[in-house]
Protein backbone atom coordinates (compact mmCIF):
# COMPACT_ATOMS: atom_id res chain seq x y z
CA CYS A 1 0.00 0.00 0.00
CA THR A 2 1.05 3.55 -0.50
CA LEU A 3 0.01 6.69 1.32
CA ASP A 4 -3.69 7.40 0.72
CA SER A 5 -4.33 3.90 -0.69
CA GLU A 6 -7.73 2.43 -0.03
CA VAL A 7 -7.60 -0.88 1.82
CA ALA A 8 -10.20 -3.30 3.09
CA LEU A 9 -9.67 -5.05 6.44
CA ARG A 10 -11.46 -8.03 7.83
CA VAL A 11 -10.92 -9.37 11.31
CA GLY A 12 -12.12 -12.79 12.40
CA GLY A 13 -15.04 -14.74 11.04
CA ASP A 14 -15.22 -16.81 7.89
CA PHE A 15 -12.97 -15.58 5.12
CA PHE A 16 -11.29 -16.94 2.02
CA PHE A 17 -9.42 -15.95 -1.12
CA ASP A 18 -10.85 -17.45 -4.28
CA PRO A 19 -9.90 -15.41 -7.35
CA GLN A 20 -11.64 -16.39 -10.55
CA PRO A 21 -10.10 -16.46 -14.03
CA GLY A 22 -10.50 -13.05 -15.55
CA ASP A 23 -10.66 -11.19 -12.19
CA SER A 24 -8.36 -8.19 -11.89
CA PRO A 25 -5.20 -9.00 -9.93
CA VAL A 26 -5.14 -7.92 -6.30
CA ASN A 27 -2.23 -7.50 -3.93
CA LEU A 28 -2.89 -9.13 -0.56
CA VAL A 29 -1.54 -8.05 2.81
CA LEU A 30 -2.11 -10.82 5.36
CA ILE A 31 -1.60 -10.11 9.07
CA ALA A 32 -1.41 -12.93 11.61
CA GLY A 33 -0.43 -13.47 15.21
CA GLY A 34 0.33 -16.82 16.82
CA VAL A 35 -2.03 -19.62 15.80
CA GLY A 36 -4.04 -17.10 13.76
CA ILE A 37 -1.69 -18.06 10.94
CA ASN A 38 -3.69 -21.22 10.17
CA PRO A 39 -6.29 -19.82 7.73
CA LEU A 40 -3.77 -17.38 6.25
CA PHE A 41 -1.27 -20.17 5.62
CA SER A 42 -3.99 -21.96 3.66
CA ILE A 43 -4.48 -18.82 1.58
CA LEU A 44 -0.71 -18.65 0.94
CA LEU A 45 -0.72 -22.28 -0.20
CA HIS A 46 -3.62 -21.56 -2.55
CA ILE A 47 -1.77 -18.54 -3.99
CA ALA A 48 1.35 -20.68 -4.47
CA ASP A 49 -0.73 -23.33 -6.24
CA LEU A 50 -2.18 -20.71 -8.57
CA HIS A 51 1.26 -19.22 -9.25
CA GLY A 52 2.67 -22.67 -9.96
CA TYR A 53 -0.23 -23.53 -12.23
CA GLN A 54 0.08 -20.16 -13.98
CA GLU A 55 3.78 -20.67 -14.65
CA GLY A 56 3.36 -24.28 -15.72
CA LYS A 57 0.25 -24.15 -17.86
CA GLY A 58 -0.56 -20.52 -18.53
CA ASN A 59 -3.93 -20.35 -16.77
CA ARG A 60 -6.12 -17.28 -16.96
CA HIS A 61 -5.71 -16.22 -13.31
CA LYS A 62 -4.08 -12.82 -12.97
CA LEU A 63 -2.36 -12.77 -9.61
CA GLY A 64 -0.88 -9.91 -7.67
CA THR A 65 1.52 -10.22 -4.77
CA ALA A 66 0.96 -11.57 -1.27
CA LYS A 67 2.77 -10.13 1.74
CA LEU A 68 2.43 -11.82 5.12
CA TYR A 69 3.12 -10.05 8.40
CA TYR A 70 3.32 -12.68 11.13
CA SER A 71 4.02 -12.08 14.82
CA ALA A 72 4.68 -14.45 17.72
CA LYS A 73 6.39 -14.39 21.09
CA ASN A 74 9.54 -16.03 19.72
CA THR A 75 10.74 -17.87 16.63
CA SER A 76 9.85 -21.28 18.05
CA GLU A 77 6.19 -20.16 18.10
CA LEU A 78 6.20 -19.08 14.44
CA LEU A 79 4.19 -21.94 12.94
CA PHE A 80 4.93 -23.04 9.36
CA LYS A 81 8.02 -20.79 9.22
CA LYS A 82 10.05 -23.23 7.11
CA ASN A 83 7.11 -23.73 4.76
CA ILE A 84 6.65 -19.97 4.43
CA LEU A 85 10.36 -19.49 3.69
CA GLY A 86 10.05 -22.21 1.05
CA LEU A 87 7.12 -20.40 -0.60
CA MET A 88 9.10 -17.15 -0.61
CA LYS A 89 12.03 -18.93 -2.25
CA ALA A 90 9.82 -20.68 -4.83
CA PHE A 91 7.97 -17.48 -5.77
CA PRO A 92 10.39 -14.57 -5.20
CA GLY A 93 8.73 -11.18 -5.28
CA LYS A 94 5.28 -12.78 -5.47
CA ILE A 95 5.09 -14.12 -1.90
CA THR A 96 6.97 -12.28 0.85
CA CYS A 97 6.89 -12.35 4.63
CA CYS A 98 8.02 -10.27 7.57
CA PHE A 99 8.15 -12.13 10.87
CA HIS A 100 8.01 -10.19 14.14
CA VAL A 101 8.94 -11.56 17.54
CA THR A 102 8.14 -9.82 20.81
CA GLN A 103 10.05 -11.80 23.47
CA GLN A 104 12.97 -13.52 21.75
CA HIS A 105 15.82 -14.16 24.19
CA SER A 106 17.92 -16.61 22.20
CA GLN A 107 19.89 -16.20 18.98
CA ILE A 108 17.81 -16.08 15.78
CA CYS A 109 18.88 -18.61 13.16
CA LYS A 110 20.63 -17.34 10.04
CA GLU A 111 17.83 -18.47 7.72
CA LEU A 112 15.18 -16.40 9.55
CA LYS A 113 17.28 -13.40 10.53
CA PRO A 114 16.74 -11.35 7.31
CA HIS A 115 12.97 -11.66 7.75
CA ILE A 116 12.71 -10.95 11.52
CA THR A 117 11.95 -7.71 13.31
CA GLY A 118 11.49 -7.19 17.04
CA LYS A 119 13.48 -8.21 20.08
């Protein structure tokens, strides 16, 4: 988003991301904390599937980017972190993530360090 961009936010409840062929591409910003990552991780997997299908077979889906902001107490509580890093590596620039930890007391591993903010 840029300054003065219009955004839509939805908190809780039933939600999903199901773009149809021919829909205009949208850029997603997904925000999760702790176990709240579960439905958003499913959305990321769906986006990755569509990107993979698009690259492999030239489907008609027009996809934007997906950026995940995910916070937890420490890196051990970041669920699916290795899977998320794998998606970022498989689809560079299309799927990105910023992890945030609030109470990290131990060293952060080299693989996560570039994507971590917080203590």
